[in-house]
Amino acid sequence: RQPFGATITILALLAGKWVTIVAAWWWWSNYPYNFVMPATLLPSAVVLDIVLLLTRNWTLTAVIGAWLFAALF
C-alpha cells in the first residue's frame, strides 16, 4: 500500500479543472479565469495519505483520515 493515491487523485482533479477553465476561457468570452478549486484539497489529500502511511490500516484511514480530510477542507 503506497500512500500517495489521494494526492495523485487530487492533482489529477486540479489538472482537469485547470484544463476546463483554460478551455472555457479561450472558447467562450467573459468567462472568469480566476475561478479555481479550493487550495485546501491538496493538503487534505496529503494528510489522508499520511494517515494511511502511519496506520497501515484501511479502516482507521477511512475513519480518522476522512475526519481530518473534512476538518481541513
N, C-alpha and C. Protein backbone atom coordinates (compact mmCIF):
# COMPACT_ATOMS: atom_id res chain seq x y z
N ARG A 1 0.83 -1.18 0.00
CA ARG A 1 0.00 0.00 0.00
C ARG A 1 0.87 1.24 0.00
N GLN A 2 0.94 1.84 -1.13
CA GLN A 2 1.70 3.08 -1.22
C GLN A 2 0.77 4.27 -0.92
N PRO A 3 1.11 5.08 0.05
CA PRO A 3 0.19 6.13 0.47
C PRO A 3 0.33 7.41 -0.35
N PHE A 4 0.05 7.32 -1.64
CA PHE A 4 0.04 8.55 -2.43
C PHE A 4 -1.15 8.60 -3.38
N GLY A 5 -2.11 7.73 -3.18
CA GLY A 5 -3.28 7.68 -4.07
C GLY A 5 -4.16 8.91 -3.98
N ALA A 6 -4.42 9.39 -2.78
CA ALA A 6 -5.28 10.57 -2.63
C ALA A 6 -4.61 11.81 -3.21
N THR A 7 -3.31 11.94 -3.04
CA THR A 7 -2.60 13.09 -3.58
C THR A 7 -2.61 13.08 -5.10
N ILE A 8 -2.38 11.93 -5.70
CA ILE A 8 -2.40 11.84 -7.17
C ILE A 8 -3.81 12.11 -7.70
N THR A 9 -4.82 11.62 -6.99
CA THR A 9 -6.20 11.85 -7.41
C THR A 9 -6.54 13.34 -7.38
N ILE A 10 -6.15 14.03 -6.32
CA ILE A 10 -6.45 15.46 -6.22
C ILE A 10 -5.64 16.25 -7.25
N LEU A 11 -4.39 15.86 -7.51
CA LEU A 11 -3.61 16.53 -8.55
C LEU A 11 -4.25 16.35 -9.92
N ALA A 12 -4.79 15.16 -10.20
CA ALA A 12 -5.48 14.93 -11.47
C ALA A 12 -6.76 15.76 -11.54
N LEU A 13 -7.47 15.87 -10.42
CA LEU A 13 -8.67 16.70 -10.39
C LEU A 13 -8.34 18.16 -10.64
N LEU A 14 -7.28 18.66 -10.01
CA LEU A 14 -6.87 20.05 -10.21
C LEU A 14 -6.39 20.29 -11.63
N ALA A 15 -5.68 19.33 -12.22
CA ALA A 15 -5.24 19.47 -13.61
C ALA A 15 -6.43 19.49 -14.56
N GLY A 16 -7.40 18.62 -14.33
CA GLY A 16 -8.60 18.62 -15.16
C GLY A 16 -9.40 19.90 -15.01
N LYS A 17 -9.49 20.42 -13.81
CA LYS A 17 -10.20 21.68 -13.59
C LYS A 17 -9.47 22.83 -14.27
N TRP A 18 -8.14 22.81 -14.23
CA TRP A 18 -7.37 23.85 -14.89
C TRP A 18 -7.58 23.81 -16.40
N VAL A 19 -7.58 22.62 -16.98
CA VAL A 19 -7.81 22.47 -18.42
C VAL A 19 -9.21 22.97 -18.78
N THR A 20 -10.19 22.65 -17.95
CA THR A 20 -11.56 23.10 -18.20
C THR A 20 -11.66 24.62 -18.16
N ILE A 21 -11.01 25.24 -17.18
CA ILE A 21 -11.08 26.70 -17.06
C ILE A 21 -10.37 27.37 -18.23
N VAL A 22 -9.20 26.88 -18.60
CA VAL A 22 -8.46 27.48 -19.71
C VAL A 22 -9.22 27.31 -21.02
N ALA A 23 -9.78 26.11 -21.25
CA ALA A 23 -10.54 25.88 -22.48
C ALA A 23 -11.78 26.75 -22.53
N ALA A 24 -12.47 26.88 -21.41
CA ALA A 24 -13.67 27.71 -21.38
C ALA A 24 -13.29 29.19 -21.56
N TRP A 25 -12.15 29.58 -21.05
CA TRP A 25 -11.73 30.98 -21.21
C TRP A 25 -11.39 31.28 -22.66
N TRP A 26 -10.77 30.33 -23.34
CA TRP A 26 -10.43 30.56 -24.74
C TRP A 26 -11.63 30.44 -25.66
N TRP A 27 -12.55 29.51 -25.38
CA TRP A 27 -13.64 29.25 -26.30
C TRP A 27 -14.82 30.19 -26.09
N TRP A 28 -15.08 30.59 -24.85
CA TRP A 28 -16.21 31.47 -24.58
C TRP A 28 -15.67 32.78 -24.03
N SER A 29 -16.33 33.84 -24.36
CA SER A 29 -15.87 35.14 -23.88
C SER A 29 -16.48 35.44 -22.52
N ASN A 30 -15.78 36.28 -21.77
CA ASN A 30 -16.22 36.77 -20.47
C ASN A 30 -16.39 35.67 -19.42
N TYR A 31 -15.67 34.59 -19.56
CA TYR A 31 -15.69 33.56 -18.52
C TYR A 31 -14.60 33.91 -17.51
N PRO A 32 -14.95 34.01 -16.23
CA PRO A 32 -13.94 34.42 -15.24
C PRO A 32 -12.79 33.41 -15.15
N TYR A 33 -11.63 33.86 -15.45
CA TYR A 33 -10.45 33.00 -15.48
C TYR A 33 -9.93 32.68 -14.09
N ASN A 34 -10.30 33.48 -13.10
CA ASN A 34 -9.72 33.31 -11.77
C ASN A 34 -10.54 32.42 -10.86
N PHE A 35 -11.56 31.72 -11.36
CA PHE A 35 -12.28 30.75 -10.53
C PHE A 35 -11.45 29.48 -10.47
N VAL A 36 -10.96 29.15 -9.31
CA VAL A 36 -10.12 27.96 -9.16
C VAL A 36 -10.67 27.09 -8.05
N MET A 37 -10.24 25.85 -8.04
CA MET A 37 -10.63 24.93 -6.97
C MET A 37 -10.00 25.39 -5.66
N PRO A 38 -10.61 25.06 -4.55
CA PRO A 38 -10.01 25.45 -3.27
C PRO A 38 -8.61 24.88 -3.10
N ALA A 39 -7.75 25.67 -2.56
CA ALA A 39 -6.36 25.24 -2.38
C ALA A 39 -6.21 24.27 -1.22
N THR A 40 -7.27 24.04 -0.49
CA THR A 40 -7.18 23.13 0.66
C THR A 40 -7.32 21.67 0.27
N LEU A 41 -7.63 21.38 -0.99
CA LEU A 41 -7.79 19.99 -1.39
C LEU A 41 -6.47 19.23 -1.31
N LEU A 42 -5.39 19.84 -1.74
CA LEU A 42 -4.11 19.14 -1.75
C LEU A 42 -3.58 18.86 -0.34
N PRO A 43 -3.57 19.82 0.59
CA PRO A 43 -3.14 19.47 1.96
C PRO A 43 -4.03 18.42 2.61
N SER A 44 -5.32 18.46 2.32
CA SER A 44 -6.22 17.44 2.87
C SER A 44 -5.86 16.06 2.35
N ALA A 45 -5.54 15.96 1.06
CA ALA A 45 -5.15 14.67 0.48
C ALA A 45 -3.82 14.19 1.05
N VAL A 46 -2.89 15.10 1.29
CA VAL A 46 -1.61 14.72 1.88
C VAL A 46 -1.82 14.18 3.30
N VAL A 47 -2.69 14.83 4.06
CA VAL A 47 -2.99 14.35 5.42
C VAL A 47 -3.64 12.97 5.36
N LEU A 48 -4.53 12.76 4.40
CA LEU A 48 -5.15 11.45 4.25
C LEU A 48 -4.11 10.38 3.93
N ASP A 49 -3.16 10.70 3.07
CA ASP A 49 -2.09 9.75 2.75
C ASP A 49 -1.17 9.53 3.94
N ILE A 50 -0.92 10.54 4.73
CA ILE A 50 -0.07 10.38 5.92
C ILE A 50 -0.74 9.47 6.95
N VAL A 51 -2.06 9.60 7.08
CA VAL A 51 -2.78 8.71 7.99
C VAL A 51 -2.65 7.27 7.52
N LEU A 52 -2.75 7.02 6.22
CA LEU A 52 -2.56 5.67 5.70
C LEU A 52 -1.13 5.19 5.93
N LEU A 53 -0.17 6.08 5.76
CA LEU A 53 1.23 5.72 5.97
C LEU A 53 1.49 5.33 7.43
N LEU A 54 0.91 6.08 8.35
CA LEU A 54 1.16 5.82 9.77
C LEU A 54 0.38 4.63 10.31
N THR A 55 -0.86 4.46 9.88
CA THR A 55 -1.68 3.38 10.45
C THR A 55 -1.56 2.08 9.67
N ARG A 56 -1.35 2.14 8.37
CA ARG A 56 -1.31 0.96 7.50
C ARG A 56 -2.59 0.13 7.63
N ASN A 57 -3.70 0.82 7.89
CA ASN A 57 -4.97 0.15 8.08
C ASN A 57 -6.04 0.95 7.33
N TRP A 58 -6.74 0.26 6.42
CA TRP A 58 -7.75 0.96 5.62
C TRP A 58 -8.91 1.45 6.47
N THR A 59 -9.28 0.70 7.51
CA THR A 59 -10.41 1.09 8.34
C THR A 59 -10.08 2.34 9.14
N LEU A 60 -8.92 2.36 9.77
CA LEU A 60 -8.52 3.56 10.51
C LEU A 60 -8.32 4.75 9.59
N THR A 61 -7.83 4.49 8.40
CA THR A 61 -7.67 5.58 7.43
C THR A 61 -9.02 6.13 7.03
N ALA A 62 -9.99 5.25 6.86
CA ALA A 62 -11.33 5.71 6.49
C ALA A 62 -11.96 6.53 7.61
N VAL A 63 -11.76 6.12 8.85
CA VAL A 63 -12.38 6.82 9.97
C VAL A 63 -11.61 8.09 10.32
N ILE A 64 -10.33 7.96 10.61
CA ILE A 64 -9.53 9.11 11.04
C ILE A 64 -9.19 10.02 9.87
N GLY A 65 -8.76 9.43 8.76
CA GLY A 65 -8.37 10.23 7.60
C GLY A 65 -9.51 11.01 6.99
N ALA A 66 -10.68 10.38 6.91
CA ALA A 66 -11.83 11.10 6.36
C ALA A 66 -12.26 12.24 7.28
N TRP A 67 -12.15 12.02 8.58
CA TRP A 67 -12.48 13.09 9.51
C TRP A 67 -11.50 14.26 9.37
N LEU A 68 -10.21 13.95 9.27
CA LEU A 68 -9.21 15.01 9.09
C LEU A 68 -9.35 15.70 7.73
N PHE A 69 -9.67 14.91 6.69
CA PHE A 69 -9.87 15.49 5.35
C PHE A 69 -11.01 16.51 5.40
N ALA A 70 -12.11 16.13 6.04
CA ALA A 70 -13.25 17.04 6.14
C ALA A 70 -12.94 18.23 7.05
N ALA A 71 -12.18 18.01 8.10
CA ALA A 71 -11.84 19.11 9.01
C ALA A 71 -10.94 20.13 8.33
N LEU A 72 -10.02 19.67 7.49
CA LEU A 72 -9.13 20.60 6.80
C LEU A 72 -9.80 21.26 5.61
N PHE A 73 -10.76 20.58 5.01
CA PHE A 73 -11.43 21.13 3.84
C PHE A 73 -12.40 22.19 4.26
